């Protein structure tokens, strides 16, 4: 039972991190600003 609970928590954590990363890239947050300029411009053109 413990293994299933740990697995669920891990999956939820990964989903939250994924969503947070997407929102950071969309709204050009801190992680986005730390990226090199060429990558920023590439992502900016995609979004």
N, C-alpha and C. Protein backbone atom coordinates (compact mmCIF):
# COMPACT_ATOMS: atom_id res chain seq x y z
N UNK A 1 0.81 -1.19 0.00
CA UNK A 1 0.00 0.00 0.00
C UNK A 1 0.86 1.26 0.00
N UNK A 2 1.98 1.21 0.72
CA UNK A 2 2.87 2.35 0.76
C UNK A 2 3.45 2.67 -0.61
N UNK A 3 3.77 1.64 -1.38
CA UNK A 3 4.36 1.84 -2.69
C UNK A 3 3.40 2.57 -3.62
N UNK A 4 2.13 2.23 -3.55
CA UNK A 4 1.13 2.88 -4.40
C UNK A 4 0.98 4.35 -4.02
N UNK A 5 1.03 4.63 -2.72
CA UNK A 5 0.91 6.02 -2.24
C UNK A 5 2.11 6.85 -2.69
N UNK A 6 3.30 6.27 -2.60
CA UNK A 6 4.50 6.97 -3.02
C UNK A 6 4.48 7.24 -4.53
N UNK A 7 4.00 6.25 -5.28
CA UNK A 7 3.92 6.40 -6.73
C UNK A 7 2.95 7.51 -7.11
N UNK A 8 1.81 7.59 -6.42
CA UNK A 8 0.82 8.62 -6.69
C UNK A 8 1.38 10.01 -6.38
N UNK A 9 2.07 10.13 -5.26
CA UNK A 9 2.67 11.42 -4.88
C UNK A 9 3.73 11.82 -5.90
N UNK A 10 4.53 10.87 -6.36
CA UNK A 10 5.56 11.16 -7.35
C UNK A 10 4.94 11.64 -8.66
N UNK A 11 3.90 10.99 -9.11
CA UNK A 11 3.24 11.38 -10.36
C UNK A 11 2.62 12.77 -10.23
N UNK A 12 1.95 13.03 -9.11
CA UNK A 12 1.37 14.36 -8.90
C UNK A 12 2.43 15.45 -8.87
N UNK A 13 3.55 15.16 -8.23
CA UNK A 13 4.65 16.12 -8.16
C UNK A 13 5.19 16.41 -9.55
N UNK A 14 5.38 15.39 -10.36
CA UNK A 14 5.89 15.58 -11.71
C UNK A 14 4.92 16.38 -12.57
N UNK A 15 3.64 16.12 -12.42
CA UNK A 15 2.64 16.88 -13.18
C UNK A 15 2.66 18.35 -12.78
N UNK A 16 2.75 18.62 -11.49
CA UNK A 16 2.79 20.01 -11.01
C UNK A 16 4.04 20.72 -11.53
N UNK A 17 5.18 20.05 -11.50
CA UNK A 17 6.42 20.66 -12.01
C UNK A 17 6.31 20.92 -13.50
N UNK A 18 5.72 20.00 -14.24
CA UNK A 18 5.55 20.18 -15.69
C UNK A 18 4.66 21.38 -15.99
N UNK A 19 3.55 21.50 -15.28
CA UNK A 19 2.64 22.63 -15.49
C UNK A 19 3.32 23.95 -15.11
N UNK A 20 4.05 23.95 -14.00
CA UNK A 20 4.75 25.15 -13.57
C UNK A 20 5.79 25.58 -14.60
N UNK A 21 6.49 24.62 -15.19
CA UNK A 21 7.49 24.94 -16.21
C UNK A 21 6.83 25.53 -17.45
N UNK A 22 5.72 24.94 -17.88
CA UNK A 22 5.01 25.48 -19.04
C UNK A 22 4.52 26.90 -18.79
N UNK A 23 3.95 27.15 -17.63
CA UNK A 23 3.48 28.49 -17.30
C UNK A 23 4.63 29.48 -17.24
N UNK A 24 5.77 29.05 -16.70
CA UNK A 24 6.95 29.92 -16.64
C UNK A 24 7.41 30.29 -18.04
N UNK A 25 7.43 29.34 -18.94
CA UNK A 25 7.85 29.64 -20.32
C UNK A 25 6.85 30.54 -21.03
N UNK A 26 5.56 30.29 -20.82
CA UNK A 26 4.54 31.09 -21.49
C UNK A 26 4.59 32.54 -21.01
N UNK A 27 4.72 32.74 -19.72
CA UNK A 27 4.70 34.09 -19.15
C UNK A 27 6.10 34.67 -18.95
N UNK A 28 7.11 34.00 -19.48
CA UNK A 28 8.50 34.44 -19.46
C UNK A 28 8.95 34.79 -18.04
N UNK A 29 8.86 33.80 -17.18
CA UNK A 29 9.23 33.96 -15.78
C UNK A 29 10.72 33.78 -15.55
N UNK A 30 11.07 33.45 -14.32
CA UNK A 30 12.47 33.37 -13.90
C UNK A 30 13.25 32.32 -14.68
N UNK A 31 12.70 31.12 -14.83
CA UNK A 31 13.40 30.06 -15.56
C UNK A 31 13.65 30.49 -17.00
N UNK A 32 12.66 31.12 -17.62
CA UNK A 32 12.79 31.59 -18.99
C UNK A 32 13.91 32.61 -19.10
N UNK A 33 14.00 33.53 -18.14
CA UNK A 33 15.01 34.58 -18.18
C UNK A 33 16.42 34.04 -17.97
N UNK A 34 16.53 32.88 -17.34
CA UNK A 34 17.85 32.28 -17.12
C UNK A 34 18.38 31.55 -18.35
N UNK A 35 17.50 31.31 -19.33
CA UNK A 35 17.92 30.63 -20.55
C UNK A 35 18.77 31.57 -21.42
N UNK A 36 19.67 31.01 -22.24
CA UNK A 36 20.43 31.84 -23.17
C UNK A 36 19.50 32.56 -24.16
N UNK A 37 19.94 33.71 -24.64
CA UNK A 37 19.12 34.55 -25.52
C UNK A 37 18.64 33.82 -26.78
N UNK A 38 19.49 33.03 -27.46
CA UNK A 38 18.98 32.35 -28.66
C UNK A 38 17.83 31.39 -28.35
N UNK A 39 17.90 30.71 -27.22
CA UNK A 39 16.83 29.79 -26.84
C UNK A 39 15.58 30.58 -26.47
N UNK A 40 15.75 31.73 -25.80
CA UNK A 40 14.61 32.58 -25.48
C UNK A 40 13.88 33.03 -26.72
N UNK A 41 14.64 33.45 -27.73
CA UNK A 41 14.00 33.93 -28.94
C UNK A 41 13.31 32.77 -29.68
N UNK A 42 13.93 31.60 -29.67
CA UNK A 42 13.30 30.43 -30.31
C UNK A 42 11.98 30.09 -29.64
N UNK A 43 11.99 30.05 -28.31
CA UNK A 43 10.76 29.74 -27.57
C UNK A 43 9.74 30.84 -27.76
N UNK A 44 10.20 32.08 -27.78
CA UNK A 44 9.31 33.21 -28.01
C UNK A 44 8.62 33.12 -29.35
N UNK A 45 9.31 32.63 -30.37
CA UNK A 45 8.70 32.47 -31.68
C UNK A 45 7.70 31.32 -31.71
N UNK A 46 7.94 30.28 -30.91
CA UNK A 46 7.02 29.16 -30.85
C UNK A 46 5.71 29.54 -30.17
N UNK A 47 5.83 30.36 -29.12
CA UNK A 47 4.64 30.73 -28.36
C UNK A 47 4.07 32.00 -28.93
